[in-house]
Amino acid sequence: MNNPSNPLKVIKPNWKVGDQREVPATALDALRGTDAYDSYEQLYRVDGLHWRLEGRISRPDGSTVCLLRCVKE
C-alpha cells in the first residue's frame, strides 16, 4: 500500500455515514493487523471514517469482494 491515507485506492472525496463501497478482499485483508483495523469494534478506519464489513461476494473469476458500510465519522 503506497498511500496510507488511502489504502484502498478508491477515488471518492466525500464519503458519509450510510455510504457503501465494494473493496477487493485482498486489499481488506492487508489492513488487518494494522492501525486501520479495530479488532475490538470490528471496524476499518479508512478515509477518516469508520467502516463495518457487511458481506462478501464471490465473483465468477474466483475473486472475492467485500461490502463495507460507513457507520460513523
N, C-alpha and C. Protein backbone atom coordinates (compact mmCIF):
# COMPACT_ATOMS: atom_id res chain seq x y z
N MET A 1 0.84 -1.16 0.00
CA MET A 1 0.00 0.00 0.00
C MET A 1 0.89 1.23 0.00
N ASN A 2 0.87 1.95 -1.06
CA ASN A 2 1.76 3.09 -1.20
C ASN A 2 1.30 4.30 -0.41
N ASN A 3 0.00 4.54 -0.36
CA ASN A 3 -0.52 5.74 0.27
C ASN A 3 -1.33 5.36 1.50
N PRO A 4 -0.79 5.48 2.71
CA PRO A 4 -1.51 5.05 3.90
C PRO A 4 -2.80 5.82 4.16
N SER A 5 -2.94 7.02 3.64
CA SER A 5 -4.18 7.77 3.85
C SER A 5 -5.30 7.27 2.95
N ASN A 6 -4.98 6.53 1.91
CA ASN A 6 -5.99 5.96 1.01
C ASN A 6 -5.57 4.54 0.63
N PRO A 7 -5.54 3.61 1.60
CA PRO A 7 -5.01 2.28 1.34
C PRO A 7 -5.85 1.45 0.38
N LEU A 8 -7.13 1.80 0.21
CA LEU A 8 -7.99 1.01 -0.67
C LEU A 8 -8.01 1.55 -2.09
N LYS A 9 -7.33 2.65 -2.33
CA LYS A 9 -7.19 3.24 -3.65
C LYS A 9 -8.54 3.50 -4.33
N VAL A 10 -9.45 4.10 -3.58
CA VAL A 10 -10.76 4.46 -4.10
C VAL A 10 -10.80 5.98 -4.24
N ILE A 11 -11.27 6.43 -5.39
CA ILE A 11 -11.31 7.88 -5.63
C ILE A 11 -12.74 8.37 -5.42
N LYS A 12 -13.01 8.84 -4.24
CA LYS A 12 -14.28 9.50 -3.91
C LYS A 12 -13.99 10.37 -2.71
N PRO A 13 -14.04 11.68 -2.87
CA PRO A 13 -13.64 12.55 -1.78
C PRO A 13 -14.69 12.73 -0.68
N ASN A 14 -15.95 12.46 -0.94
CA ASN A 14 -16.99 12.80 0.01
C ASN A 14 -17.78 11.57 0.47
N TRP A 15 -17.21 10.79 1.36
CA TRP A 15 -17.94 9.67 1.94
C TRP A 15 -18.75 10.19 3.12
N LYS A 16 -19.91 9.58 3.38
CA LYS A 16 -20.71 9.96 4.54
C LYS A 16 -21.33 8.71 5.16
N VAL A 17 -21.82 8.83 6.37
CA VAL A 17 -22.43 7.72 7.08
C VAL A 17 -23.56 7.15 6.23
N GLY A 18 -23.57 5.83 6.09
CA GLY A 18 -24.58 5.15 5.28
C GLY A 18 -24.10 4.76 3.90
N ASP A 19 -23.01 5.38 3.43
CA ASP A 19 -22.45 5.01 2.12
C ASP A 19 -21.92 3.59 2.16
N GLN A 20 -21.98 2.94 1.01
CA GLN A 20 -21.45 1.59 0.90
C GLN A 20 -20.40 1.55 -0.20
N ARG A 21 -19.39 0.71 -0.02
CA ARG A 21 -18.35 0.57 -1.03
C ARG A 21 -17.97 -0.90 -1.16
N GLU A 22 -17.53 -1.25 -2.36
CA GLU A 22 -17.02 -2.59 -2.62
C GLU A 22 -15.50 -2.52 -2.64
N VAL A 23 -14.88 -3.47 -1.94
CA VAL A 23 -13.42 -3.49 -1.80
C VAL A 23 -12.94 -4.91 -2.05
N PRO A 24 -11.89 -5.09 -2.86
CA PRO A 24 -11.35 -6.44 -3.03
C PRO A 24 -10.94 -7.02 -1.67
N ALA A 25 -11.25 -8.28 -1.44
CA ALA A 25 -10.93 -8.93 -0.16
C ALA A 25 -9.43 -8.89 0.12
N THR A 26 -8.61 -8.95 -0.91
CA THR A 26 -7.16 -8.92 -0.71
C THR A 26 -6.72 -7.59 -0.11
N ALA A 27 -7.33 -6.49 -0.54
CA ALA A 27 -6.99 -5.17 0.00
C ALA A 27 -7.45 -5.05 1.45
N LEU A 28 -8.62 -5.58 1.74
CA LEU A 28 -9.14 -5.52 3.10
C LEU A 28 -8.32 -6.40 4.04
N ASP A 29 -7.94 -7.57 3.59
CA ASP A 29 -7.12 -8.47 4.41
C ASP A 29 -5.77 -7.84 4.74
N ALA A 30 -5.25 -7.02 3.84
CA ALA A 30 -3.96 -6.37 4.08
C ALA A 30 -4.05 -5.34 5.21
N LEU A 31 -5.25 -4.85 5.50
CA LEU A 31 -5.42 -3.86 6.56
C LEU A 31 -5.46 -4.49 7.95
N ARG A 32 -5.77 -5.78 8.03
CA ARG A 32 -5.80 -6.45 9.34
C ARG A 32 -4.40 -6.46 9.92
N GLY A 33 -4.32 -6.25 11.21
CA GLY A 33 -3.02 -6.21 11.87
C GLY A 33 -2.35 -4.85 11.78
N THR A 34 -3.06 -3.87 11.21
CA THR A 34 -2.55 -2.50 11.14
C THR A 34 -3.45 -1.60 11.99
N ASP A 35 -3.06 -0.33 12.10
CA ASP A 35 -3.89 0.63 12.83
C ASP A 35 -5.21 0.92 12.12
N ALA A 36 -5.35 0.49 10.87
CA ALA A 36 -6.57 0.76 10.11
C ALA A 36 -7.70 -0.19 10.50
N TYR A 37 -7.40 -1.23 11.29
CA TYR A 37 -8.44 -2.19 11.70
C TYR A 37 -8.53 -2.24 13.21
N ASP A 38 -9.74 -2.07 13.73
CA ASP A 38 -10.00 -2.16 15.17
C ASP A 38 -10.68 -3.50 15.42
N SER A 39 -9.93 -4.46 15.95
CA SER A 39 -10.47 -5.80 16.13
C SER A 39 -11.53 -5.85 17.23
N TYR A 40 -11.47 -4.96 18.19
CA TYR A 40 -12.48 -4.94 19.26
C TYR A 40 -13.84 -4.50 18.70
N GLU A 41 -13.84 -3.40 17.97
CA GLU A 41 -15.08 -2.87 17.39
C GLU A 41 -15.40 -3.52 16.04
N GLN A 42 -14.43 -4.22 15.48
CA GLN A 42 -14.53 -4.82 14.15
C GLN A 42 -14.87 -3.77 13.09
N LEU A 43 -14.12 -2.67 13.14
CA LEU A 43 -14.29 -1.57 12.20
C LEU A 43 -12.97 -1.31 11.50
N TYR A 44 -13.09 -0.87 10.26
CA TYR A 44 -11.93 -0.44 9.49
C TYR A 44 -11.92 1.08 9.48
N ARG A 45 -10.77 1.69 9.70
CA ARG A 45 -10.63 3.15 9.64
C ARG A 45 -9.96 3.49 8.31
N VAL A 46 -10.75 4.01 7.40
CA VAL A 46 -10.27 4.35 6.07
C VAL A 46 -10.87 5.68 5.65
N ASP A 47 -10.08 6.52 5.01
CA ASP A 47 -10.54 7.83 4.54
C ASP A 47 -11.10 8.69 5.66
N GLY A 48 -10.59 8.51 6.88
CA GLY A 48 -11.03 9.32 8.01
C GLY A 48 -12.38 8.92 8.57
N LEU A 49 -12.93 7.79 8.13
CA LEU A 49 -14.23 7.32 8.60
C LEU A 49 -14.11 5.89 9.10
N HIS A 50 -15.17 5.40 9.74
CA HIS A 50 -15.21 4.02 10.23
C HIS A 50 -16.15 3.20 9.34
N TRP A 51 -15.69 2.02 8.96
CA TRP A 51 -16.43 1.15 8.04
C TRP A 51 -16.61 -0.23 8.65
N ARG A 52 -17.81 -0.80 8.49
CA ARG A 52 -18.11 -2.14 9.00
C ARG A 52 -18.31 -3.08 7.82
N LEU A 53 -17.75 -4.27 7.95
CA LEU A 53 -17.92 -5.30 6.93
C LEU A 53 -19.35 -5.80 6.98
N GLU A 54 -20.06 -5.73 5.84
CA GLU A 54 -21.45 -6.16 5.80
C GLU A 54 -21.64 -7.46 5.05
N GLY A 55 -20.69 -7.84 4.23
CA GLY A 55 -20.85 -9.08 3.49
C GLY A 55 -19.73 -9.28 2.50
N ARG A 56 -19.76 -10.44 1.87
CA ARG A 56 -18.76 -10.78 0.85
C ARG A 56 -19.48 -11.34 -0.36
N ILE A 57 -18.95 -11.05 -1.53
CA ILE A 57 -19.49 -11.56 -2.78
C ILE A 57 -18.37 -12.29 -3.50
N SER A 58 -18.63 -13.53 -3.88
CA SER A 58 -17.66 -14.30 -4.67
C SER A 58 -17.94 -14.07 -6.14
N ARG A 59 -16.93 -13.72 -6.88
CA ARG A 59 -17.05 -13.45 -8.31
C ARG A 59 -16.77 -14.73 -9.11
N PRO A 60 -17.27 -14.80 -10.34
CA PRO A 60 -17.02 -15.98 -11.17
C PRO A 60 -15.54 -16.26 -11.43
N ASP A 61 -14.71 -15.22 -11.38
CA ASP A 61 -13.28 -15.42 -11.62
C ASP A 61 -12.54 -15.94 -10.39
N GLY A 62 -13.26 -16.18 -9.30
CA GLY A 62 -12.65 -16.71 -8.09
C GLY A 62 -12.27 -15.64 -7.07
N SER A 63 -12.34 -14.38 -7.44
CA SER A 63 -12.01 -13.31 -6.51
C SER A 63 -13.20 -13.04 -5.59
N THR A 64 -12.91 -12.36 -4.49
CA THR A 64 -13.96 -12.02 -3.53
C THR A 64 -13.95 -10.52 -3.31
N VAL A 65 -15.14 -9.95 -3.25
CA VAL A 65 -15.32 -8.53 -2.99
C VAL A 65 -16.04 -8.37 -1.67
N CYS A 66 -15.56 -7.47 -0.83
CA CYS A 66 -16.20 -7.21 0.47
C CYS A 66 -17.06 -5.95 0.37
N LEU A 67 -18.18 -5.98 1.03
CA LEU A 67 -19.07 -4.83 1.10
C LEU A 67 -18.87 -4.14 2.44
N LEU A 68 -18.50 -2.88 2.41
CA LEU A 68 -18.29 -2.09 3.62
C LEU A 68 -19.33 -0.97 3.67
N ARG A 69 -19.83 -0.68 4.86
CA ARG A 69 -20.75 0.44 5.05
C ARG A 69 -20.14 1.40 6.05
N CYS A 70 -20.22 2.69 5.72
CA CYS A 70 -19.73 3.72 6.62
C CYS A 70 -20.69 3.84 7.80
N VAL A 71 -20.15 3.68 9.02
CA VAL A 71 -21.02 3.68 10.19
C VAL A 71 -20.83 4.89 11.09
N LYS A 72 -19.68 5.56 11.04
CA LYS A 72 -19.52 6.78 11.84
C LYS A 72 -18.32 7.57 11.34
N GLU A 73 -18.36 8.83 11.65
CA GLU A 73 -17.28 9.73 11.22
C GLU A 73 -16.21 9.81 12.27
